[in-house]
Amino acid sequence: MAIDQTIQAQDAQETLLGLRRSIDNIDAALIYMLAERFRHTQAVGELKARHDMPPADPAREAQQVARLRELAVTARLDPDFAEKFLAFIIKEVIRHHEAIARKSGASGPV
């Protein structure tokens, strides 16, 4: 392999490692942001259970889907992917809210 090719390969490897470090940092930030989000949705679930409110709020969910699809377009992210991601999160949040309602003995619909 010629010296120029070796240098290019080394540069490519360094670039790859740098990009991967950035991805790792972003992944860590996502995990911490999701944890923070779920702490807040846990508090919402507890509030709903105390006041016999239903775990799911279809109107709010529809608003969030529309809002996040718009944000995705602005961010140049596939809005279908953003919607699927949000749907997964919402499903998990509702599951948590239902568990909280069962645990608290809330009499509202579950």
PDB file of N, CA and C in Angstrom:
ATOM      1  N   MET A   1       0.856  -1.177   0.000  1.00  0.00           N
ATOM      2  CA  MET A   1       0.000   0.000   0.000  1.00  0.00           C
ATOM      3  C   MET A   1       0.897   1.233   0.000  1.00  0.00           C
ATOM      4  N   ALA A   2       0.575   2.183  -0.787  1.00  0.00           N
ATOM      5  CA  ALA A   2       1.365   3.410  -0.899  1.00  0.00           C
ATOM      6  C   ALA A   2       1.188   4.243   0.374  1.00  0.00           C
ATOM      7  N   ILE A   3       2.154   5.116   0.623  1.00  0.00           N
ATOM      8  CA  ILE A   3       2.123   5.960   1.822  1.00  0.00           C
ATOM      9  C   ILE A   3       0.860   6.814   1.850  1.00  0.00           C
ATOM     10  N   ASP A   4       0.477   7.392   0.700  1.00  0.00           N
ATOM     11  CA  ASP A   4      -0.729   8.224   0.636  1.00  0.00           C
ATOM     12  C   ASP A   4      -1.971   7.423   1.026  1.00  0.00           C
ATOM     13  N   GLN A   5      -2.051   6.194   0.551  1.00  0.00           N
ATOM     14  CA  GLN A   5      -3.199   5.348   0.883  1.00  0.00           C
ATOM     15  C   GLN A   5      -3.208   5.013   2.375  1.00  0.00           C
ATOM     16  N   THR A   6      -2.040   4.776   2.943  1.00  0.00           N
ATOM     17  CA  THR A   6      -1.946   4.477   4.369  1.00  0.00           C
ATOM     18  C   THR A   6      -2.411   5.672   5.194  1.00  0.00           C
ATOM     19  N   ILE A   7      -1.962   6.850   4.820  1.00  0.00           N
ATOM     20  CA  ILE A   7      -2.371   8.070   5.530  1.00  0.00           C
ATOM     21  C   ILE A   7      -3.872   8.277   5.399  1.00  0.00           C
ATOM     22  N   GLN A   8      -4.416   8.067   4.201  1.00  0.00           N
ATOM     23  CA  GLN A   8      -5.864   8.215   3.998  1.00  0.00           C
ATOM     24  C   GLN A   8      -6.634   7.206   4.842  1.00  0.00           C
ATOM     25  N   ALA A   9      -6.142   5.987   4.924  1.00  0.00           N
ATOM     26  CA  ALA A   9      -6.802   4.962   5.733  1.00  0.00           C
ATOM     27  C   ALA A   9      -6.762   5.344   7.206  1.00  0.00           C
ATOM     28  N   GLN A  10      -5.637   5.877   7.666  1.00  0.00           N
ATOM     29  CA  GLN A  10      -5.519   6.316   9.062  1.00  0.00           C
ATOM     30  C   GLN A  10      -6.462   7.484   9.334  1.00  0.00           C
ATOM     31  N   ASP A  11      -6.528   8.427   8.410  1.00  0.00           N
ATOM     32  CA  ASP A  11      -7.440   9.567   8.553  1.00  0.00           C
ATOM     33  C   ASP A  11      -8.889   9.091   8.599  1.00  0.00           C
ATOM     34  N   ALA A  12      -9.218   8.155   7.739  1.00  0.00           N
ATOM     35  CA  ALA A  12     -10.584   7.612   7.723  1.00  0.00           C
ATOM     36  C   ALA A  12     -10.897   6.926   9.049  1.00  0.00           C
ATOM     37  N   GLN A  13      -9.938   6.179   9.587  1.00  0.00           N
ATOM     38  CA  GLN A  13     -10.133   5.481  10.858  1.00  0.00           C
ATOM     39  C   GLN A  13     -10.316   6.484  11.999  1.00  0.00           C
ATOM     40  N   GLU A  14      -9.517   7.533  12.017  1.00  0.00           N
ATOM     41  CA  GLU A  14      -9.654   8.573  13.049  1.00  0.00           C
ATOM     42  C   GLU A  14     -10.994   9.280  12.933  1.00  0.00           C
ATOM     43  N   THR A  15     -11.410   9.553  11.711  1.00  0.00           N
ATOM     44  CA  THR A  15     -12.713  10.182  11.493  1.00  0.00           C
ATOM     45  C   THR A  15     -13.826   9.270  11.980  1.00  0.00           C
ATOM     46  N   LEU A  16     -13.718   7.990  11.652  1.00  0.00           N
ATOM     47  CA  LEU A  16     -14.717   7.011  12.095  1.00  0.00           C
ATOM     48  C   LEU A  16     -14.802   6.972  13.620  1.00  0.00           C
ATOM     49  N   LEU A  17     -13.665   6.928  14.282  1.00  0.00           N
ATOM     50  CA  LEU A  17     -13.655   6.892  15.750  1.00  0.00           C
ATOM     51  C   LEU A  17     -14.273   8.156  16.342  1.00  0.00           C
ATOM     52  N   GLY A  18     -13.982   9.297  15.739  1.00  0.00           N
ATOM     53  CA  GLY A  18     -14.570  10.553  16.200  1.00  0.00           C
ATOM     54  C   GLY A  18     -16.080  10.576  16.037  1.00  0.00           C
ATOM     55  N   LEU A  19     -16.538  10.104  14.898  1.00  0.00           N
ATOM     56  CA  LEU A  19     -17.988  10.035  14.667  1.00  0.00           C
ATOM     57  C   LEU A  19     -18.650   9.083  15.657  1.00  0.00           C
ATOM     58  N   ARG A  20     -18.019   7.963  15.914  1.00  0.00           N
ATOM     59  CA  ARG A  20     -18.580   6.991  16.863  1.00  0.00           C
ATOM     60  C   ARG A  20     -18.608   7.552  18.286  1.00  0.00           C
ATOM     61  N   ARG A  21     -17.598   8.323  18.666  1.00  0.00           N
ATOM     62  CA  ARG A  21     -17.615   8.963  19.995  1.00  0.00           C
ATOM     63  C   ARG A  21     -18.802   9.926  20.085  1.00  0.00           C
ATOM     64  N   SER A  22     -19.034  10.674  19.026  1.00  0.00           N
ATOM     65  CA  SER A  22     -20.180  11.590  19.011  1.00  0.00           C
ATOM     66  C   SER A  22     -21.494  10.825  19.119  1.00  0.00           C
ATOM     67  N   ILE A  23     -21.609   9.733  18.385  1.00  0.00           N
ATOM     68  CA  ILE A  23     -22.820   8.907  18.454  1.00  0.00           C
ATOM     69  C   ILE A  23     -23.010   8.358  19.860  1.00  0.00           C
ATOM     70  N   ASP A  24     -21.932   7.890  20.477  1.00  0.00           N
ATOM     71  CA  ASP A  24     -22.012   7.373  21.852  1.00  0.00           C
ATOM     72  C   ASP A  24     -22.487   8.458  22.819  1.00  0.00           C
ATOM     73  N   ASN A  25     -21.984   9.680  22.643  1.00  0.00           N
ATOM     74  CA  ASN A  25     -22.420  10.793  23.499  1.00  0.00           C
ATOM     75  C   ASN A  25     -23.895  11.095  23.294  1.00  0.00           C
ATOM     76  N   ILE A  26     -24.333  11.085  22.063  1.00  0.00           N
ATOM     77  CA  ILE A  26     -25.745  11.345  21.761  1.00  0.00           C
ATOM     78  C   ILE A  26     -26.616  10.240  22.351  1.00  0.00           C
ATOM     79  N   ASP A  27     -26.190   8.986  22.215  1.00  0.00           N
ATOM     80  CA  ASP A  27     -26.946   7.869  22.801  1.00  0.00           C
ATOM     81  C   ASP A  27     -27.078   8.036  24.308  1.00  0.00           C
ATOM     82  N   ALA A  28     -25.998   8.434  24.974  1.00  0.00           N
ATOM     83  CA  ALA A  28     -26.050   8.654  26.421  1.00  0.00           C
ATOM     84  C   ALA A  28     -27.035   9.774  26.753  1.00  0.00           C
ATOM     85  N   ALA A  29     -26.987  10.854  25.989  1.00  0.00           N
ATOM     86  CA  ALA A  29     -27.915  11.964  26.222  1.00  0.00           C
ATOM     87  C   ALA A  29     -29.359  11.517  26.027  1.00  0.00           C
ATOM     88  N   LEU A  30     -29.608  10.711  24.998  1.00  0.00           N
ATOM     89  CA  LEU A  30     -30.966  10.195  24.764  1.00  0.00           C
ATOM     90  C   LEU A  30     -31.463   9.379  25.957  1.00  0.00           C
ATOM     91  N   ILE A  31     -30.604   8.523  26.488  1.00  0.00           N
ATOM     92  CA  ILE A  31     -31.003   7.695  27.632  1.00  0.00           C
ATOM     93  C   ILE A  31     -31.348   8.571  28.832  1.00  0.00           C
ATOM     94  N   TYR A  32     -30.508   9.558  29.112  1.00  0.00           N
ATOM     95  CA  TYR A  32     -30.792  10.447  30.239  1.00  0.00           C
ATOM     96  C   TYR A  32     -32.052  11.273  30.005  1.00  0.00           C
ATOM     97  N   MET A  33     -32.278  11.707  28.772  1.00  0.00           N
ATOM     98  CA  MET A  33     -33.497  12.468  28.459  1.00  0.00           C
ATOM     99  C   MET A  33     -34.740  11.589  28.598  1.00  0.00           C
ATOM    100  N   LEU A  34     -34.645  10.342  28.132  1.00  0.00           N
ATOM    101  CA  LEU A  34     -35.778   9.431  28.294  1.00  0.00           C
ATOM    102  C   LEU A  34     -36.051   9.157  29.769  1.00  0.00           C
ATOM    103  N   ALA A  35     -35.004   8.989  30.549  1.00  0.00           N
ATOM    104  CA  ALA A  35     -35.185   8.767  31.988  1.00  0.00           C
ATOM    105  C   ALA A  35     -35.895   9.960  32.628  1.00  0.00           C
ATOM    106  N   GLU A  36     -35.481  11.159  32.261  1.00  0.00           N
ATOM    107  CA  GLU A  36     -36.118  12.363  32.791  1.00  0.00           C
ATOM    108  C   GLU A  36     -37.578  12.443  32.338  1.00  0.00           C
ATOM    109  N   ARG A  37     -37.825  12.127  31.090  1.00  0.00           N
ATOM    110  CA  ARG A  37     -39.200  12.141  30.578  1.00  0.00           C
ATOM    111  C   ARG A  37     -40.067  11.161  31.350  1.00  0.00           C
ATOM    112  N   PHE A  38     -39.558   9.962  31.585  1.00  0.00           N
ATOM    113  CA  PHE A  38     -40.339   8.956  32.297  1.00  0.00           C
ATOM    114  C   PHE A  38     -40.538   9.319  33.767  1.00  0.00           C
ATOM    115  N   ARG A  39     -39.622  10.054  34.375  1.00  0.00           N
ATOM    116  CA  ARG A  39     -39.867  10.531  35.744  1.00  0.00           C
ATOM    117  C   ARG A  39     -41.078  11.461  35.753  1.00  0.00           C
ATOM    118  N   HIS A  40     -41.172  12.312  34.752  1.00  0.00           N
ATOM    119  CA  HIS A  40     -42.316  13.233  34.677  1.00  0.00           C
ATOM    120  C   HIS A  40     -43.613  12.485  34.347  1.00  0.00           C
ATOM    121  N   THR A  41     -43.556  11.532  33.420  1.00  0.00           N
ATOM    122  CA  THR A  41     -44.780  10.802  33.095  1.00  0.00           C
ATOM    123  C   THR A  41     -45.207   9.920  34.260  1.00  0.00           C
ATOM    124  N   GLN A  42     -44.253   9.475  35.079  1.00  0.00           N
ATOM    125  CA  GLN A  42     -44.588   8.715  36.291  1.00  0.00           C
ATOM    126  C   GLN A  42     -45.396   9.607  37.233  1.00  0.00           C
ATOM    127  N   ALA A  43     -44.968  10.851  37.389  1.00  0.00           N
ATOM    128  CA  ALA A  43     -45.703  11.795  38.235  1.00  0.00           C
ATOM    129  C   ALA A  43     -47.100  12.049  37.671  1.00  0.00           C
ATOM    130  N   VAL A  44     -47.205  12.130  36.341  1.00  0.00           N
ATOM    131  CA  VAL A  44     -48.521  12.297  35.709  1.00  0.00           C
ATOM    132  C   VAL A  44     -49.395  11.084  36.031  1.00  0.00           C
ATOM    133  N   GLY A  45     -48.834   9.888  35.930  1.00  0.00           N
ATOM    134  CA  GLY A  45     -49.588   8.671  36.230  1.00  0.00           C
ATOM    135  C   GLY A  45     -50.078   8.644  37.664  1.00  0.00           C
ATOM    136  N   GLU A  46     -49.240   9.082  38.585  1.00  0.00           N
ATOM    137  CA  GLU A  46     -49.646   9.119  39.992  1.00  0.00           C
ATOM    138  C   GLU A  46     -50.765  10.135  40.211  1.00  0.00           C
ATOM    139  N   LEU A  47     -50.653  11.284  39.564  1.00  0.00           N
ATOM    140  CA  LEU A  47     -51.693  12.303  39.654  1.00  0.00           C
ATOM    141  C   LEU A  47     -53.010  11.776  39.086  1.00  0.00           C
ATOM    142  N   LYS A  48     -52.944  11.145  37.925  1.00  0.00           N
ATOM    143  CA  LYS A  48     -54.147  10.586  37.309  1.00  0.00           C
ATOM    144  C   LYS A  48     -54.777   9.531  38.218  1.00  0.00           C
ATOM    145  N   ALA A  49     -53.974   8.680  38.814  1.00  0.00           N
ATOM    146  CA  ALA A  49     -54.502   7.626  39.684  1.00  0.00           C
ATOM    147  C   ALA A  49     -55.184   8.235  40.913  1.00  0.00           C
ATOM    148  N   ARG A  50     -54.571   9.256  41.508  1.00  0.00           N
ATOM    149  CA  ARG A  50     -55.160   9.900  42.696  1.00  0.00           C
ATOM    150  C   ARG A  50     -56.504  10.528  42.388  1.00  0.00           C
ATOM    151  N   HIS A  51     -56.691  10.963  41.157  1.00  0.00           N
ATOM    152  CA  HIS A  51     -57.915  11.676  40.793  1.00  0.00           C
ATOM    153  C   HIS A  51     -58.811  10.868  39.858  1.00  0.00           C
ATOM    154  N   ASP A  52     -58.594   9.548  39.834  1.00  0.00           N
ATOM    155  CA  ASP A  52     -59.403   8.635  39.019  1.00  0.00           C
ATOM    156  C   ASP A  52     -59.525   9.098  37.562  1.00  0.00           C
ATOM    157  N   MET A  53     -58.420   9.558  37.013  1.00  0.00           N
ATOM    158  CA  MET A  53     -58.394   9.958  35.608  1.00  0.00           C
ATOM    159  C   MET A  53     -57.913   8.767  34.790  1.00  0.00           C
ATOM    160  N   PRO A  54     -58.391   8.620  33.568  1.00  0.00           N
ATOM    161  CA  PRO A  54     -57.971   7.475  32.749  1.00  0.00           C
ATOM    162  C   PRO A  54     -56.480   7.544  32.415  1.00  0.00           C
ATOM    163  N   PRO A  55     -55.831   6.383  32.323  1.00  0.00           N
ATOM    164  CA  PRO A  55     -54.397   6.354  32.009  1.00  0.00           C
ATOM    165  C   PRO A  55     -54.069   6.924  30.631  1.00  0.00           C
ATOM    166  N   ALA A  56     -54.943   6.731  29.674  1.00  0.00           N
ATOM    167  CA  ALA A  56     -54.703   7.204  28.313  1.00  0.00           C
ATOM    168  C   ALA A  56     -55.485   8.492  28.062  1.00  0.00           C
ATOM    169  N   ASP A  57     -54.937   9.340  27.210  1.00  0.00           N
ATOM    170  CA  ASP A  57     -55.589  10.580  26.816  1.00  0.00           C
ATOM    171  C   ASP A  57     -55.436  10.705  25.299  1.00  0.00           C
ATOM    172  N   PRO A  58     -56.359  10.079  24.550  1.00  0.00           N
ATOM    173  CA  PRO A  58     -56.225  10.054  23.087  1.00  0.00           C
ATOM    174  C   PRO A  58     -56.102  11.431  22.442  1.00  0.00           C
ATOM    175  N   ALA A  59     -56.786  12.430  22.977  1.00  0.00           N
ATOM    176  CA  ALA A  59     -56.694  13.775  22.395  1.00  0.00           C
ATOM    177  C   ALA A  59     -55.281  14.329  22.566  1.00  0.00           C
ATOM    178  N   ARG A  60     -54.726  14.173  23.746  1.00  0.00           N
ATOM    179  CA  ARG A  60     -53.351  14.636  24.004  1.00  0.00           C
ATOM    180  C   ARG A  60     -52.363  13.881  23.115  1.00  0.00           C
ATOM    181  N   GLU A  61     -52.571  12.574  22.989  1.00  0.00           N
ATOM    182  CA  GLU A  61     -51.682  11.762  22.165  1.00  0.00           C
ATOM    183  C   GLU A  61     -51.701  12.237  20.711  1.00  0.00           C
ATOM    184  N   ALA A  62     -52.894  12.523  20.192  1.00  0.00           N
ATOM    185  CA  ALA A  62     -53.014  13.003  18.812  1.00  0.00           C
ATOM    186  C   ALA A  62     -52.311  14.344  18.636  1.00  0.00           C
ATOM    187  N   GLN A  63     -52.445  15.227  19.629  1.00  0.00           N
ATOM    188  CA  GLN A  63     -51.757  16.522  19.574  1.00  0.00           C
ATOM    189  C   GLN A  63     -50.246  16.323  19.557  1.00  0.00           C
ATOM    190  N   GLN A  64     -49.761  15.419  20.388  1.00  0.00           N
ATOM    191  CA  GLN A  64     -48.323  15.165  20.466  1.00  0.00           C
ATOM    192  C   GLN A  64     -47.793  14.584  19.158  1.00  0.00           C
ATOM    193  N   VAL A  65     -48.551  13.669  18.574  1.00  0.00           N
ATOM    194  CA  VAL A  65     -48.125  13.076  17.299  1.00  0.00           C
ATOM    195  C   VAL A  65     -48.000  14.165  16.242  1.00  0.00           C
ATOM    196  N   ALA A  66     -49.011  15.012  16.149  1.00  0.00           N
ATOM    197  CA  ALA A  66     -48.981  16.091  15.154  1.00  0.00           C
ATOM    198  C   ALA A  66     -47.806  17.034  15.425  1.00  0.00           C
ATOM    199  N   ARG A  67     -47.613  17.396  16.691  1.00  0.00           N
ATOM    200  CA  ARG A  67     -46.532  18.314  17.052  1.00  0.00           C
ATOM    201  C   ARG A  67     -45.166  17.717  16.732  1.00  0.00           C
ATOM    202  N   LEU A  68     -44.968  16.451  17.087  1.00  0.00           N
ATOM    203  CA  LEU A  68     -43.662  15.835  16.853  1.00  0.00           C
ATOM    204  C   LEU A  68     -43.407  15.562  15.375  1.00  0.00           C
ATOM    205  N   ARG A  69     -44.463  15.296  14.611  1.00  0.00           N
ATOM    206  CA  ARG A  69     -44.271  15.143  13.162  1.00  0.00           C
ATOM    207  C   ARG A  69     -43.780  16.469  12.564  1.00  0.00           C
ATOM    208  N   GLU A  70     -44.360  17.590  13.011  1.00  0.00           N
ATOM    209  CA  GLU A  70     -43.908  18.898  12.534  1.00  0.00           C
ATOM    210  C   GLU A  70     -42.458  19.152  12.945  1.00  0.00           C
ATOM    211  N   LEU A  71     -42.129  18.836  14.195  1.00  0.00           N
ATOM    212  CA  LEU A  71     -40.750  19.011  14.657  1.00  0.00           C
ATOM    213  C   LEU A  71     -39.792  18.155  13.837  1.00  0.00           C
ATOM    214  N   ALA A  72     -40.210  16.940  13.529  1.00  0.00           N
ATOM    215  CA  ALA A  72     -39.359  16.039  12.745  1.00  0.00           C
ATOM    216  C   ALA A  72     -39.077  16.628  11.371  1.00  0.00           C
ATOM    217  N   VAL A  73     -40.101  17.180  10.747  1.00  0.00           N
ATOM    218  CA  VAL A  73     -39.905  17.792   9.427  1.00  0.00           C
ATOM    219  C   VAL A  73     -38.903  18.942   9.538  1.00  0.00           C
ATOM    220  N   THR A  74     -39.078  19.786  10.558  1.00  0.00           N
ATOM    221  CA  THR A  74     -38.174  20.912  10.767  1.00  0.00           C
ATOM    222  C   THR A  74     -36.740  20.427  11.000  1.00  0.00           C
ATOM    223  N   ALA A  75     -36.613  19.323  11.747  1.00  0.00           N
ATOM    224  CA  ALA A  75     -35.289  18.777  12.074  1.00  0.00           C
ATOM    225  C   ALA A  75     -34.719  17.907  10.952  1.00  0.00           C
ATOM    226  N   ARG A  76     -35.484  17.752   9.881  1.00  0.00           N
ATOM    227  CA  ARG A  76     -35.086  16.891   8.751  1.00  0.00           C
ATOM    228  C   ARG A  76     -34.922  15.439   9.187  1.00  0.00           C
ATOM    229  N   LEU A  77     -35.882  14.995  10.002  1.00  0.00           N
ATOM    230  CA  LEU A  77     -35.979  13.603  10.428  1.00  0.00           C
ATOM    231  C   LEU A  77     -37.259  13.046   9.817  1.00  0.00           C
ATOM    232  N   ASP A  78     -37.238  11.806   9.436  1.00  0.00           N
ATOM    233  CA  ASP A  78     -38.413  11.171   8.851  1.00  0.00           C
ATOM    234  C   ASP A  78     -39.578  11.243   9.847  1.00  0.00           C
ATOM    235  N   PRO A  79     -40.664  11.956   9.496  1.00  0.00           N
ATOM    236  CA  PRO A  79     -41.785  12.091  10.431  1.00  0.00           C
ATOM    237  C   PRO A  79     -42.451  10.756  10.747  1.00  0.00           C
ATOM    238  N   ASP A  80     -42.423   9.807   9.823  1.00  0.00           N
ATOM    239  CA  ASP A  80     -42.990   8.485  10.116  1.00  0.00           C
ATOM    240  C   ASP A  80     -42.184   7.790  11.203  1.00  0.00           C
ATOM    241  N   PHE A  81     -40.863   7.916  11.132  1.00  0.00           N
ATOM    242  CA  PHE A  81     -40.014   7.349  12.180  1.00  0.00           C
ATOM    243  C   PHE A  81     -40.312   8.028  13.514  1.00  0.00           C
ATOM    244  N   ALA A  82     -40.410   9.353  13.517  1.00  0.00           N
ATOM    245  CA  ALA A  82     -40.690  10.095  14.750  1.00  0.00           C
ATOM    246  C   ALA A  82     -42.016   9.647  15.351  1.00  0.00           C
ATOM    247  N   GLU A  83     -43.014   9.435  14.495  1.00  0.00           N
ATOM    248  CA  GLU A  83     -44.321   8.997  14.989  1.00  0.00           C
ATOM    249  C   GLU A  83     -44.235   7.590  15.589  1.00  0.00           C
ATOM    250  N   LYS A  84     -43.527   6.699  14.928  1.00  0.00           N
ATOM    251  CA  LYS A  84     -43.365   5.337  15.461  1.00  0.00           C
ATOM    252  C   LYS A  84     -42.635   5.364  16.800  1.00  0.00           C
ATOM    253  N   PHE A  85     -41.610   6.193  16.895  1.00  0.00           N
ATOM    254  CA  PHE A  85     -40.854   6.315  18.128  1.00  0.00           C
ATOM    255  C   PHE A  85     -41.754   6.831  19.248  1.00  0.00           C
ATOM    256  N   LEU A  86     -42.535   7.877  18.953  1.00  0.00           N
ATOM    257  CA  LEU A  86     -43.444   8.431  19.950  1.00  0.00           C
ATOM    258  C   LEU A  86     -44.513   7.408  20.333  1.00  0.00           C
ATOM    259  N   ALA A  87     -45.031   6.671  19.369  1.00  0.00           N
ATOM    260  CA  ALA A  87     -46.052   5.657  19.668  1.00  0.00           C
ATOM    261  C   ALA A  87     -45.510   4.616  20.642  1.00  0.00           C
ATOM    262  N   PHE A  88     -44.257   4.222  20.452  1.00  0.00           N
ATOM    263  CA  PHE A  88     -43.633   3.267  21.372  1.00  0.00           C
ATOM    264  C   PHE A  88     -43.553   3.855  22.780  1.00  0.00           C
ATOM    265  N   ILE A  89     -43.151   5.116  22.873  1.00  0.00           N
ATOM    266  CA  ILE A  89     -43.039   5.767  24.181  1.00  0.00           C
ATOM    267  C   ILE A  89     -44.414   5.901  24.824  1.00  0.00           C
ATOM    268  N   ILE A  90     -45.399   6.341  24.059  1.00  0.00           N
ATOM    269  CA  ILE A  90     -46.753   6.510  24.594  1.00  0.00           C
ATOM    270  C   ILE A  90     -47.295   5.180  25.104  1.00  0.00           C
ATOM    271  N   LYS A  91     -47.092   4.113  24.356  1.00  0.00           N
ATOM    272  CA  LYS A  91     -47.556   2.796  24.780  1.00  0.00           C
ATOM    273  C   LYS A  91     -46.941   2.420  26.127  1.00  0.00           C
ATOM    274  N   GLU A  92     -45.671   2.685  26.280  1.00  0.00           N
ATOM    275  CA  GLU A  92     -44.981   2.374  27.536  1.00  0.00           C
ATOM    276  C   GLU A  92     -45.494   3.252  28.674  1.00  0.00           C
ATOM    277  N   VAL A  93     -45.720   4.531  28.409  1.00  0.00           N
ATOM    278  CA  VAL A  93     -46.247   5.443  29.426  1.00  0.00           C
ATOM    279  C   VAL A  93     -47.624   4.981  29.886  1.00  0.00           C
ATOM    280  N   ILE A  94     -48.492   4.618  28.951  1.00  0.00           N
ATOM    281  CA  ILE A  94     -49.835   4.154  29.308  1.00  0.00           C
ATOM    282  C   ILE A  94     -49.749   2.882  30.141  1.00  0.00           C
ATOM    283  N   ARG A  95     -48.842   1.993  29.770  1.00  0.00           N
ATOM    284  CA  ARG A  95     -48.653   0.764  30.550  1.00  0.00           C
ATOM    285  C   ARG A  95     -48.263   1.107  31.989  1.00  0.00           C
ATOM    286  N   HIS A  96     -47.375   2.081  32.152  1.00  0.00           N
ATOM    287  CA  HIS A  96     -46.978   2.528  33.493  1.00  0.00           C
ATOM    288  C   HIS A  96     -48.167   3.137  34.230  1.00  0.00           C
ATOM    289  N   HIS A  97     -48.935   3.963  33.548  1.00  0.00           N
ATOM    290  CA  HIS A  97     -50.092   4.610  34.176  1.00  0.00           C
ATOM    291  C   HIS A  97     -51.123   3.568  34.613  1.00  0.00           C
ATOM    292  N   GLU A  98     -51.337   2.563  33.797  1.00  0.00           N
ATOM    293  CA  GLU A  98     -52.272   1.497  34.167  1.00  0.00           C
ATOM    294  C   GLU A  98     -51.778   0.747  35.396  1.00  0.00           C
ATOM    295  N   ALA A  99     -50.498   0.481  35.468  1.00  0.00           N
ATOM    296  CA  ALA A  99     -49.917  -0.212  36.624  1.00  0.00           C
ATOM    297  C   ALA A  99     -50.057   0.641  37.881  1.00  0.00           C
ATOM    298  N   ILE A 100     -49.817   1.935  37.758  1.00  0.00           N
ATOM    299  CA  ILE A 100     -49.965   2.836  38.907  1.00  0.00           C
ATOM    300  C   ILE A 100     -51.413   2.857  39.365  1.00  0.00           C
ATOM    301  N   ALA A 101     -52.347   2.918  38.416  1.00  0.00           N
ATOM    302  CA  ALA A 101     -53.778   2.943  38.753  1.00  0.00           C
ATOM    303  C   ALA A 101     -54.180   1.643  39.472  1.00  0.00           C
ATOM    304  N   ARG A 102     -53.696   0.502  38.980  1.00  0.00           N
ATOM    305  CA  ARG A 102     -54.009  -0.770  39.640  1.00  0.00           C
ATOM    306  C   ARG A 102     -53.446  -0.813  41.049  1.00  0.00           C
ATOM    307  N   LYS A 103     -52.218  -0.353  41.182  1.00  0.00           N
ATOM    308  CA  LYS A 103     -51.538  -0.368  42.480  1.00  0.00           C
ATOM    309  C   LYS A 103     -52.259   0.531  43.496  1.00  0.00           C
ATOM    310  N   SER A 104     -52.747   1.662  43.002  1.00  0.00           N
ATOM    311  CA  SER A 104     -53.409   2.623  43.912  1.00  0.00           C
ATOM    312  C   SER A 104     -54.869   2.273  44.157  1.00  0.00           C
ATOM    313  N   GLY A 105     -55.391   1.333  43.365  1.00  0.00           N
ATOM    314  CA  GLY A 105     -56.797   0.967  43.524  1.00  0.00           C
ATOM    315  C   GLY A 105     -57.745   1.999  42.955  1.00  0.00           C
ATOM    316  N   ALA A 106     -57.276   2.783  42.011  1.00  0.00           N
ATOM    317  CA  ALA A 106     -58.134   3.808  41.400  1.00  0.00           C
ATOM    318  C   ALA A 106     -59.346   3.139  40.768  1.00  0.00           C
ATOM    319  N   SER A 107     -60.477   3.803  40.911  1.00  0.00           N
ATOM    320  CA  SER A 107     -61.726   3.210  40.417  1.00  0.00           C
ATOM    321  C   SER A 107     -62.073   3.633  39.012  1.00  0.00           C
ATOM    322  N   GLY A 108     -61.319   4.569  38.441  1.00  0.00           N
ATOM    323  CA  GLY A 108     -61.598   5.042  37.087  1.00  0.00           C
ATOM    324  C   GLY A 108     -61.297   3.991  36.055  1.00  0.00           C
ATOM    325  N   PRO A 109     -61.679   4.231  34.792  1.00  0.00           N
ATOM    326  CA  PRO A 109     -61.431   3.250  33.745  1.00  0.00           C
ATOM    327  C   PRO A 109     -59.935   3.042  33.504  1.00  0.00           C
ATOM    328  N   VAL A 110     -59.564   1.812  33.294  1.00  0.00           N
ATOM    329  CA  VAL A 110     -58.158   1.470  33.058  1.00  0.00           C
ATOM    330  C   VAL A 110     -57.984   0.831  31.771  1.00  0.00           C
TER     331      VAL A 110
END
